[in-house]
Amino acid sequence: MEKSRPSFLMSSLVILLIMAILGVSILIYGTAPHIPIVIAAIIVTLYGLKLGYRWKELESAMTRGVSYGVPAIIILSLIGINVGVWVLNGTVQTITYYGLEVLSPSFFLVSAVIVTAVVATMTGSSWSAISTIGIALMGVAYGMSISPAITAGAIVSGAMFGDKMSPLSDTTNLAAATAKVDIFQHIRHMMWTTIPSLFLTLMIFTAIGLFSAHSSADLSKVEAMMNTLNSEFMLSPVTLISPLLIIILAFRKVSPIPSLIIGLVAAVLTTFYTVPGVSFGKIVNTAHFGYTADTGVESIDNLLSLGGLDSMLFGVSLILIALSFGGIIREIGIAHAIIEGLKRFLQSRGNVITSTVLSCLGINVVIGEQYLSIILPGQMLEESYEQTNLHPKNMSRTLEDAGTLIHPLIPWGVTGAFIMTTLNVGVGYIPFSFLCFICPMIAVIYGYTGFTLTPLAKQDVVEFEEQRVSSGTGNQ
């Protein structure tokens, strides 16, 4: 049976149906994303069979889809193991204690954005920032009775800003390479959208912090929590060796998996110093099942009962299901059909920018894969930028404004699953990840006003063509 190509109309209807299933299930009924994605995958599989694809082809597509997520699954598992050992050896307790001592409740959320942004910029990785300083900040928020969802939103906002602006970031380099522009030219051009987005985000979190009530009861709770941490656990700078090693290795561009393994070895060795008499079996069990606190203080026990490989299985299973689903979508060409259909509307610069944002959004929602949300729109819409006389750096900026920043808002995406699992929050962080909403909106506004859009000069055309011929891939 000959295969048919999916039409723009049918692809759009399928996508709308999938979005309706996921939206109603997750947002209205509050279900976990796993089963709704399975239902959506069944619908797309049936559509693929109708187009003439054989089951074996779709099954192979699912397998290929999952293969893209294997590194993320290993990283997620190692983070869970590290967190379990960090609680056992006192790393989380030490950071929480000093955080409660230093940070002000009124400006905690602003501090969380800034600190996380600095770490992510230094390391070039939002995952490294979230899994180290982010976990510590969640502990401080717990002690200050600040909403975990709002805190997670602040952490995600800061982490994504740093990831987006760092020349060490893989997505930043990918966007620049896709558009075939210099990495630093790309970063400078991004400042026009990212800096205002960060400023607005900080203003919002400042207002939330100042207008939130911090009663004397909260302060007494903080004091009681600090006293319990100090009496029940060994608080020592030695416990910070493991997370600091991971941050330093990330800054040195060491791959995440060996960085986490080195951090884990350091955490295990530290445990023998901070927990006298601890057995190797205790460490292994904690690494697997997580740490269970039993101090008699409810807030401390809730905070410290976390970590372990088991705690990451929610995220791991979500990644497996979502990437299987994405593999089918990619195989039958639904994303390509929609992007091709949008190209007919690309007669103005504003429409080109908006279509890029919508394409990145659609691929993130449907496939849940960050890299493809940058690569596919970049490849499909490149000619549209040239035809509307827009410099490629406008495209690279927009790919990051939407592809990179929208991805954390998708709970069934790889990063969304990572955030929910690592920070131990549900989808409640999404509405408070303000930077991720603001930046794409600013990009669209700039598109229609023309503000900061750089035209493609004649000299740029020549240089652009020479670069494309000589490298074929752009700057790495």
Protein backbone atom coordinates (compact mmCIF):
# COMPACT_ATOMS: atom_id res chain seq x y z
CA MET A 1 0.00 0.00 0.00
CA GLU A 2 1.41 3.38 -1.06
CA LYS A 3 1.87 5.95 1.68
CA SER A 4 0.00 9.24 1.58
CA ARG A 5 1.39 12.50 2.90
CA PRO A 6 -0.60 14.09 5.71
CA SER A 7 -2.45 17.22 4.63
CA PHE A 8 -2.23 20.54 6.45
CA LEU A 9 -5.93 20.40 7.34
CA MET A 10 -5.90 16.84 8.70
CA SER A 11 -2.61 17.42 10.53
CA SER A 12 -4.05 20.53 12.14
CA LEU A 13 -7.20 18.66 13.19
CA VAL A 14 -5.14 15.83 14.67
CA ILE A 15 -2.97 18.32 16.58
CA LEU A 16 -6.03 20.18 17.90
CA LEU A 17 -7.56 16.88 19.05
CA ILE A 18 -4.32 15.89 20.79
CA MET A 19 -4.04 19.29 22.50
CA ALA A 20 -7.66 19.00 23.63
CA ILE A 21 -7.07 15.54 25.12
CA LEU A 22 -3.91 16.64 26.92
CA GLY A 23 -5.34 19.98 28.03
CA VAL A 24 -8.61 18.61 29.41
CA SER A 25 -6.93 15.64 31.10
CA ILE A 26 -4.07 17.56 32.73
CA LEU A 27 -5.51 21.02 33.36
CA ILE A 28 -9.16 20.21 34.14
CA TYR A 29 -9.03 16.72 35.63
CA GLY A 30 -5.52 17.06 37.07
CA THR A 31 -4.30 13.71 35.75
CA ALA A 32 -0.67 12.80 35.17
CA PRO A 33 0.30 13.26 31.51
CA HIS A 34 1.22 9.62 30.88
CA ILE A 35 -2.15 8.06 29.99
CA PRO A 36 -3.41 11.07 27.98
CA ILE A 37 -0.25 10.82 25.86
CA VAL A 38 -0.86 7.09 25.37
CA ILE A 39 -4.39 7.92 24.15
CA ALA A 40 -2.99 10.58 21.81
CA ALA A 41 -0.38 8.10 20.54
CA ILE A 42 -3.13 5.59 19.71
CA ILE A 43 -4.98 8.25 17.70
CA VAL A 44 -1.85 9.24 15.77
CA THR A 45 -0.99 5.57 15.16
CA LEU A 46 -4.43 4.98 13.65
CA TYR A 47 -3.95 8.04 11.45
CA GLY A 48 -0.55 6.70 10.39
CA LEU A 49 -2.05 3.32 9.48
CA LYS A 50 -4.71 5.13 7.44
CA LEU A 51 -1.95 6.97 5.56
CA GLY A 52 -0.48 3.61 4.56
CA TYR A 53 2.26 3.11 7.15
CA ARG A 54 2.82 -0.43 8.37
CA TRP A 55 2.80 -1.19 12.08
CA LYS A 56 6.45 -2.28 11.96
CA GLU A 57 7.43 1.13 10.59
CA LEU A 58 5.57 2.94 13.34
CA GLU A 59 7.03 0.62 15.96
CA SER A 60 10.55 1.34 14.66
CA ALA A 61 9.74 5.08 14.79
CA MET A 62 8.78 4.74 18.46
CA THR A 63 12.06 2.94 19.19
CA ARG A 64 14.06 5.65 17.45
CA GLY A 65 12.15 8.30 19.36
CA VAL A 66 13.00 6.69 22.68
CA SER A 67 16.68 6.39 21.72
CA TYR A 68 16.95 10.20 21.63
CA GLY A 69 15.94 10.32 25.28
CA VAL A 70 18.34 7.70 26.65
CA PRO A 71 20.96 10.27 27.75
CA ALA A 72 18.25 12.32 29.49
CA ILE A 73 16.96 9.21 31.27
CA ILE A 74 20.46 8.33 32.51
CA ILE A 75 21.00 11.93 33.68
CA LEU A 76 17.65 11.99 35.45
CA SER A 77 18.42 8.69 37.19
CA LEU A 78 21.86 9.89 38.32
CA ILE A 79 20.35 13.12 39.67
CA GLY A 80 17.88 11.09 41.75
CA ILE A 81 20.70 8.97 43.13
CA ASN A 82 22.80 12.05 43.90
CA VAL A 83 19.94 13.81 45.68
CA GLY A 84 19.33 10.78 47.90
CA VAL A 85 22.97 10.72 48.97
CA TRP A 86 23.00 14.53 49.35
CA VAL A 87 20.23 14.32 51.93
CA LEU A 88 21.94 11.44 53.72
CA ASN A 89 25.29 13.26 53.99
CA GLY A 90 23.77 16.65 54.88
CA THR A 91 24.31 18.61 51.64
CA VAL A 92 20.67 19.68 51.35
CA GLN A 93 20.48 20.42 55.08
CA THR A 94 23.63 22.59 54.99
CA ILE A 95 22.47 24.68 52.01
CA THR A 96 18.99 25.01 53.46
CA TYR A 97 20.33 26.15 56.85
CA TYR A 98 22.59 28.86 55.43
CA GLY A 99 19.96 29.88 52.92
CA LEU A 100 17.44 30.43 55.73
CA GLU A 101 20.06 32.42 57.60
CA VAL A 102 21.01 34.71 54.72
CA LEU A 103 18.01 35.14 52.40
CA SER A 104 15.12 37.49 53.12
CA PRO A 105 11.60 36.08 52.61
CA SER A 106 10.47 39.27 50.85
CA PHE A 107 13.23 39.09 48.23
CA PHE A 108 13.73 35.34 48.18
CA LEU A 109 12.01 34.80 44.81
CA VAL A 110 14.05 37.54 43.14
CA SER A 111 17.21 36.05 44.65
CA ALA A 112 16.20 32.62 43.36
CA VAL A 113 15.90 33.95 39.80
CA ILE A 114 19.25 35.77 39.93
CA VAL A 115 21.25 33.00 41.63
CA THR A 116 19.90 30.31 39.32
CA ALA A 117 20.52 32.50 36.28
CA VAL A 118 24.16 33.01 37.29
CA VAL A 119 24.75 29.28 37.80
CA ALA A 120 23.05 28.40 34.50
CA THR A 121 25.06 31.03 32.63
CA MET A 122 28.31 29.75 34.14
CA THR A 123 27.55 26.12 33.38
CA GLY A 124 25.58 26.59 30.15
CA SER A 125 23.01 24.15 31.46
CA SER A 126 19.57 24.76 32.95
CA TRP A 127 19.56 21.12 34.13
CA SER A 128 22.78 21.61 36.13
CA ALA A 129 21.39 24.77 37.74
CA ILE A 130 18.04 23.21 38.60
CA SER A 131 19.52 19.97 39.94
CA THR A 132 22.03 21.74 42.21
CA ILE A 133 21.13 25.25 43.38
CA GLY A 134 17.48 24.70 42.42
CA ILE A 135 17.06 21.81 44.84
CA ALA A 136 18.71 23.86 47.59
CA LEU A 137 16.42 26.83 46.95
CA MET A 138 13.35 24.58 47.18
CA GLY A 139 14.53 23.58 50.65
CA VAL A 140 14.89 27.21 51.70
CA ALA A 141 11.43 28.00 50.33
CA TYR A 142 10.01 25.15 52.38
CA GLY A 143 11.51 26.65 55.52
CA MET A 144 10.16 30.11 54.72
CA SER A 145 6.66 28.78 53.91
CA ILE A 146 6.93 30.11 50.37
CA SER A 147 4.88 28.29 47.73
CA PRO A 148 6.89 25.45 46.11
CA ALA A 149 5.13 26.11 42.79
CA ILE A 150 6.05 29.80 42.76
CA THR A 151 9.60 29.00 43.85
CA ALA A 152 9.94 26.42 41.08
CA GLY A 153 8.69 29.04 38.60
CA ALA A 154 11.40 31.44 39.77
CA ILE A 155 14.05 28.72 39.50
CA VAL A 156 12.93 27.75 35.99
CA SER A 157 12.86 31.41 34.89
CA GLY A 158 16.42 31.99 36.09
CA ALA A 159 17.72 28.69 34.76
CA MET A 160 16.27 29.23 31.29
CA PHE A 161 17.64 32.78 31.12
CA GLY A 162 21.13 31.52 31.92
CA ASP A 163 20.83 28.57 29.54
CA LYS A 164 19.68 30.90 26.75
CA MET A 165 22.41 33.53 27.22
CA SER A 166 25.39 31.25 27.83
CA PRO A 167 27.83 30.56 24.96
CA LEU A 168 28.37 27.18 26.66
CA SER A 169 24.73 26.13 26.17
CA ASP A 170 23.94 23.40 23.67
CA THR A 171 20.62 25.00 22.63
CA THR A 172 22.26 28.41 22.17
CA ASN A 173 24.89 26.88 19.90
CA LEU A 174 22.25 24.80 18.12
CA ALA A 175 20.08 27.84 17.33
CA ALA A 176 23.09 29.78 16.04
CA ALA A 177 24.24 26.82 13.95
CA THR A 178 20.75 26.23 12.54
CA ALA A 179 20.56 29.86 11.39
CA LYS A 180 24.24 29.84 10.37
CA VAL A 181 25.25 32.87 12.41
CA ASP A 182 28.13 33.55 14.78
CA ILE A 183 27.37 32.44 18.34
CA PHE A 184 28.27 35.79 19.92
CA GLN A 185 26.35 37.74 17.30
CA HIS A 186 23.41 35.52 18.16
CA ILE A 187 23.75 36.15 21.90
CA ARG A 188 24.05 39.93 21.45
CA HIS A 189 20.90 39.97 19.34
CA MET A 190 19.04 37.87 21.94
CA MET A 191 19.63 40.52 24.58
CA TRP A 192 16.91 42.65 22.98
CA THR A 193 14.26 40.11 23.94
CA THR A 194 15.81 38.32 26.91
CA ILE A 195 16.93 41.28 29.05
CA PRO A 196 13.49 42.98 29.00
CA SER A 197 11.90 39.60 29.75
CA LEU A 198 14.19 39.11 32.75
CA PHE A 199 13.48 42.66 33.98
CA LEU A 200 9.70 42.10 33.81
CA THR A 201 10.09 38.71 35.49
CA LEU A 202 12.07 40.24 38.36
CA MET A 203 9.45 42.97 38.75
CA ILE A 204 6.67 40.38 39.02
CA PHE A 205 8.54 38.28 41.59
CA THR A 206 9.45 41.43 43.55
CA ALA A 207 5.77 42.34 43.73
CA ILE A 208 4.84 38.80 44.81
CA GLY A 209 7.51 38.85 47.52
CA LEU A 210 6.63 42.30 48.86
CA PHE A 211 2.89 41.74 48.93
CA SER A 212 3.09 38.27 50.46
CA ALA A 213 2.45 38.19 54.20
CA HIS A 214 5.38 36.94 56.27
CA SER A 215 4.06 36.67 59.78
CA SER A 216 5.95 36.23 63.02
CA ALA A 217 4.62 32.67 63.00
CA ASP A 218 6.51 32.07 59.75
CA LEU A 219 9.67 33.52 61.25
CA SER A 220 9.36 31.39 64.36
CA LYS A 221 8.90 28.37 62.11
CA VAL A 222 12.10 29.28 60.28
CA GLU A 223 13.97 29.53 63.59
CA ALA A 224 12.60 26.19 64.77
CA MET A 225 13.56 24.59 61.48
CA MET A 226 17.11 25.94 61.70
CA ASN A 227 17.46 24.67 65.27
CA THR A 228 16.30 21.19 64.21
CA LEU A 229 18.68 21.10 61.25
CA ASN A 230 21.56 22.17 63.46
CA SER A 231 20.85 19.60 66.18
CA GLU A 232 19.91 16.59 64.03
CA PHE A 233 22.50 16.78 61.25
CA MET A 234 26.14 17.64 60.72
CA LEU A 235 26.17 20.94 58.84
CA SER A 236 29.53 21.37 57.19
CA PRO A 237 31.05 23.04 54.10
CA VAL A 238 32.47 19.61 53.30
CA THR A 239 28.99 18.53 52.19
CA LEU A 240 29.09 21.15 49.41
CA ILE A 241 31.98 19.45 47.60
CA SER A 242 29.74 17.25 45.45
CA PRO A 243 27.37 19.92 44.00
CA LEU A 244 30.26 22.36 43.56
CA LEU A 245 32.21 19.72 41.64
CA ILE A 246 29.24 19.18 39.32
CA ILE A 247 28.91 22.93 38.68
CA ILE A 248 32.66 23.31 38.03
CA LEU A 249 32.72 20.32 35.67
CA ALA A 250 29.69 21.68 33.81
CA PHE A 251 31.50 25.02 33.48
CA ARG A 252 34.47 23.13 32.06
CA LYS A 253 32.09 21.54 29.52
CA VAL A 254 32.49 18.03 30.88
CA SER A 255 29.53 15.92 29.77
CA PRO A 256 26.67 15.68 32.31
CA ILE A 257 26.86 11.92 32.88
CA PRO A 258 30.55 11.74 33.92
CA SER A 259 30.08 14.99 35.89
CA LEU A 260 27.21 13.45 37.87
CA ILE A 261 29.17 10.24 38.43
CA ILE A 262 32.15 12.19 39.79
CA GLY A 263 29.77 14.21 41.97
CA LEU A 264 28.22 10.99 43.24
CA VAL A 265 31.61 9.52 44.18
CA ALA A 266 32.40 12.73 46.08
CA ALA A 267 29.01 12.60 47.82
CA VAL A 268 29.53 8.98 48.90
CA LEU A 269 33.02 9.70 50.27
CA THR A 270 31.66 12.76 52.09
CA THR A 271 28.97 10.62 53.70
CA PHE A 272 31.53 8.53 55.57
CA TYR A 273 32.81 11.77 57.15
CA THR A 274 29.49 13.48 57.96
CA VAL A 275 27.57 10.37 59.06
CA PRO A 276 29.90 8.44 61.42
CA GLY A 277 29.30 4.70 61.38
CA VAL A 278 27.21 4.74 58.22
CA SER A 279 27.35 1.47 56.29
CA PHE A 280 27.84 1.11 52.56
CA GLY A 281 24.53 -0.76 52.44
CA LYS A 282 22.75 2.26 53.95
CA ILE A 283 24.22 4.50 51.26
CA VAL A 284 23.19 2.12 48.47
CA ASN A 285 19.63 1.77 49.82
CA THR A 286 19.30 5.54 50.13
CA ALA A 287 20.62 6.01 46.59
CA HIS A 288 17.94 3.61 45.36
CA PHE A 289 14.89 4.33 47.52
CA GLY A 290 15.67 7.87 48.71
CA TYR A 291 16.03 9.33 52.17
CA THR A 292 13.23 9.17 54.74
CA ALA A 293 13.53 11.79 57.48
CA ASP A 294 12.23 11.06 60.98
CA THR A 295 13.06 14.10 63.11
CA GLY A 296 9.57 14.53 64.55
CA VAL A 297 9.28 17.99 62.94
CA GLU A 298 6.78 17.72 60.09
CA SER A 299 8.24 20.50 57.94
CA ILE A 300 11.74 19.00 58.16
CA ASP A 301 10.49 15.48 57.46
CA ASN A 302 8.52 16.68 54.41
CA LEU A 303 11.53 18.59 53.11
CA LEU A 304 14.11 15.85 53.55
CA SER A 305 12.12 12.78 52.51
CA LEU A 306 13.22 12.81 48.90
CA GLY A 307 15.74 11.62 46.35
CA GLY A 308 16.71 8.17 45.17
CA LEU A 309 16.44 6.37 41.86
CA ASP A 310 12.83 5.40 42.57
CA SER A 311 11.79 9.05 42.82
CA MET A 312 12.80 9.60 39.18
CA LEU A 313 10.72 6.79 37.69
CA PHE A 314 7.75 9.13 37.17
CA GLY A 315 9.91 11.32 34.95
CA VAL A 316 11.62 8.40 33.25
CA SER A 317 8.34 6.73 32.30
CA LEU A 318 6.97 10.05 31.04
CA ILE A 319 10.01 10.59 28.83
CA LEU A 320 9.71 7.06 27.42
CA ILE A 321 6.02 7.50 26.58
CA ALA A 322 6.35 11.05 25.24
CA LEU A 323 9.32 10.27 22.99
CA SER A 324 7.61 7.15 21.65
CA PHE A 325 4.66 9.33 20.75
CA GLY A 326 6.98 11.95 19.23
CA GLY A 327 8.62 9.28 17.11
CA ILE A 328 5.30 8.42 15.46
CA ILE A 329 4.50 12.10 14.87
CA ARG A 330 7.89 12.60 13.25
CA GLU A 331 7.63 9.44 11.13
CA ILE A 332 4.31 10.28 9.47
CA GLY A 333 5.30 13.93 8.91
CA ILE A 334 2.59 15.83 10.78
CA ALA A 335 4.97 18.57 11.98
CA HIS A 336 6.35 19.11 8.48
CA ALA A 337 2.85 19.32 7.02
CA ILE A 338 1.82 22.03 9.45
CA ILE A 339 4.98 24.11 8.97
CA GLU A 340 4.64 23.81 5.18
CA GLY A 341 1.01 24.90 5.49
CA LEU A 342 1.99 27.96 7.50
CA LYS A 343 4.45 29.12 4.84
CA ARG A 344 1.63 30.39 2.63
CA PHE A 345 0.92 33.11 5.19
CA LEU A 346 4.51 34.35 5.35
CA GLN A 347 4.26 37.53 3.34
CA SER A 348 5.28 39.92 6.13
CA ARG A 349 8.03 40.00 8.72
CA GLY A 350 5.54 39.88 11.57
CA ASN A 351 3.95 36.74 10.16
CA VAL A 352 7.36 35.12 9.69
CA ILE A 353 8.31 35.74 13.33
CA THR A 354 4.87 34.65 14.58
CA SER A 355 4.95 31.49 12.46
CA THR A 356 8.36 30.63 13.89
CA VAL A 357 7.02 31.04 17.43
CA LEU A 358 3.92 28.97 16.63
CA SER A 359 6.00 26.27 14.91
CA CYS A 360 8.31 25.98 17.91
CA LEU A 361 5.28 25.89 20.21
CA GLY A 362 3.54 23.23 18.12
CA ILE A 363 6.56 20.92 17.93
CA ASN A 364 7.17 21.28 21.66
CA VAL A 365 3.52 20.48 22.43
CA VAL A 366 3.21 17.59 20.02
CA ILE A 367 6.65 15.99 20.13
CA GLY A 368 7.96 17.29 23.46
CA GLU A 369 11.51 17.54 22.09
CA GLN A 370 13.51 20.75 22.48
CA TYR A 371 16.15 20.22 19.79
CA LEU A 372 13.58 19.44 17.10
CA SER A 373 11.60 22.54 18.07
CA ILE A 374 14.68 24.53 17.04
CA ILE A 375 15.90 22.49 14.07
CA LEU A 376 12.67 21.83 12.16
CA PRO A 377 11.31 25.42 12.11
CA GLY A 378 14.81 26.68 11.33
CA GLN A 379 15.16 24.38 8.35
CA MET A 380 11.62 24.89 7.05
CA LEU A 381 11.40 28.69 7.45
CA GLU A 382 14.93 29.71 6.44
CA GLU A 383 13.82 30.81 2.96
CA SER A 384 10.99 32.88 4.42
CA TYR A 385 13.49 34.98 6.37
CA GLU A 386 15.52 35.57 3.23
CA GLN A 387 12.43 36.42 1.17
CA THR A 388 11.31 39.02 3.74
CA ASN A 389 14.85 40.45 3.89
CA LEU A 390 15.51 39.41 7.48
CA HIS A 391 19.02 38.67 8.69
CA PRO A 392 19.50 35.05 9.88
CA LYS A 393 20.21 36.28 13.42
CA ASN A 394 16.54 37.26 13.65
CA MET A 395 15.67 33.62 13.06
CA SER A 396 18.25 32.29 15.54
CA ARG A 397 16.92 34.67 18.19
CA THR A 398 13.30 33.68 17.60
CA LEU A 399 14.15 29.97 17.62
CA GLU A 400 15.50 30.42 21.14
CA ASP A 401 12.74 32.82 22.24
CA ALA A 402 10.22 30.11 21.44
CA GLY A 403 11.94 26.75 21.03
CA THR A 404 14.20 26.95 24.08
CA LEU A 405 11.87 28.88 26.41
CA ILE A 406 8.55 27.20 25.63
CA HIS A 407 9.96 23.72 26.15
CA PRO A 408 10.01 23.84 30.01
CA LEU A 409 6.29 24.70 29.95
CA ILE A 410 5.40 21.35 28.39
CA PRO A 411 4.94 18.84 31.26
CA TRP A 412 5.27 15.85 28.94
CA GLY A 413 8.44 17.24 27.37
CA VAL A 414 11.85 16.03 28.48
CA THR A 415 12.68 19.19 30.44
CA GLY A 416 9.17 19.48 31.87
CA ALA A 417 9.38 15.93 33.19
CA PHE A 418 12.85 16.71 34.57
CA ILE A 419 11.61 19.82 36.41
CA MET A 420 8.58 18.11 37.96
CA THR A 421 10.65 15.16 39.12
CA THR A 422 13.79 16.97 40.28
CA LEU A 423 12.02 19.80 42.13
CA ASN A 424 9.28 17.47 43.37
CA VAL A 425 6.47 19.68 42.06
CA GLY A 426 3.56 19.01 39.75
CA VAL A 427 2.49 21.19 36.85
CA GLY A 428 1.86 24.05 39.27
CA TYR A 429 5.22 25.65 38.42
CA ILE A 430 4.12 26.38 34.83
CA PRO A 431 2.02 29.55 35.40
CA PHE A 432 4.87 31.07 37.44
CA SER A 433 7.63 30.48 34.88
CA PHE A 434 7.08 34.07 33.75
CA LEU A 435 10.21 34.48 31.63
CA CYS A 436 9.14 31.56 29.44
CA PHE A 437 5.85 33.30 28.61
CA ILE A 438 7.11 36.85 28.30
CA CYS A 439 10.00 36.28 25.89
CA PRO A 440 7.98 34.71 23.02
CA MET A 441 5.37 37.48 23.35
CA ILE A 442 8.07 40.16 23.08
CA ALA A 443 9.42 38.38 19.99
CA VAL A 444 6.00 38.59 18.31
CA ILE A 445 5.61 42.26 19.26
CA TYR A 446 9.03 43.03 17.77
CA GLY A 447 8.03 41.11 14.64
CA TYR A 448 5.04 43.34 13.91
CA THR A 449 6.62 46.62 15.04
CA GLY A 450 9.95 45.94 13.37
CA PHE A 451 11.79 47.04 16.51
CA THR A 452 15.29 45.46 16.74
CA LEU A 453 14.75 43.43 13.54
CA THR A 454 17.94 43.52 11.47
CA PRO A 455 17.50 43.61 7.67
CA LEU A 456 19.62 41.49 5.38
CA ALA A 457 22.07 43.90 3.70
CA LYS A 458 23.74 43.08 0.36
CA GLN A 459 27.07 42.44 2.06
CA ASP A 460 25.32 40.12 4.52
CA VAL A 461 23.85 38.15 1.61
CA VAL A 462 27.31 37.58 0.14
CA GLU A 463 28.86 36.63 3.49
CA PHE A 464 25.90 34.42 4.34
CA GLU A 465 26.16 32.52 1.05
CA GLU A 466 29.95 32.12 1.44
CA GLN A 467 29.51 30.79 4.96
CA ARG A 468 26.81 28.37 3.84
CA VAL A 469 28.99 27.02 1.02
CA SER A 470 32.18 26.75 3.09
CA SER A 471 30.76 25.20 6.25
CA GLY A 472 27.33 23.86 5.46
CA THR A 473 26.57 23.82 9.17
CA GLY A 474 27.43 27.27 10.47
CA ASN A 475 29.35 28.10 13.62
CA GLN A 476 29.41 25.52 16.34
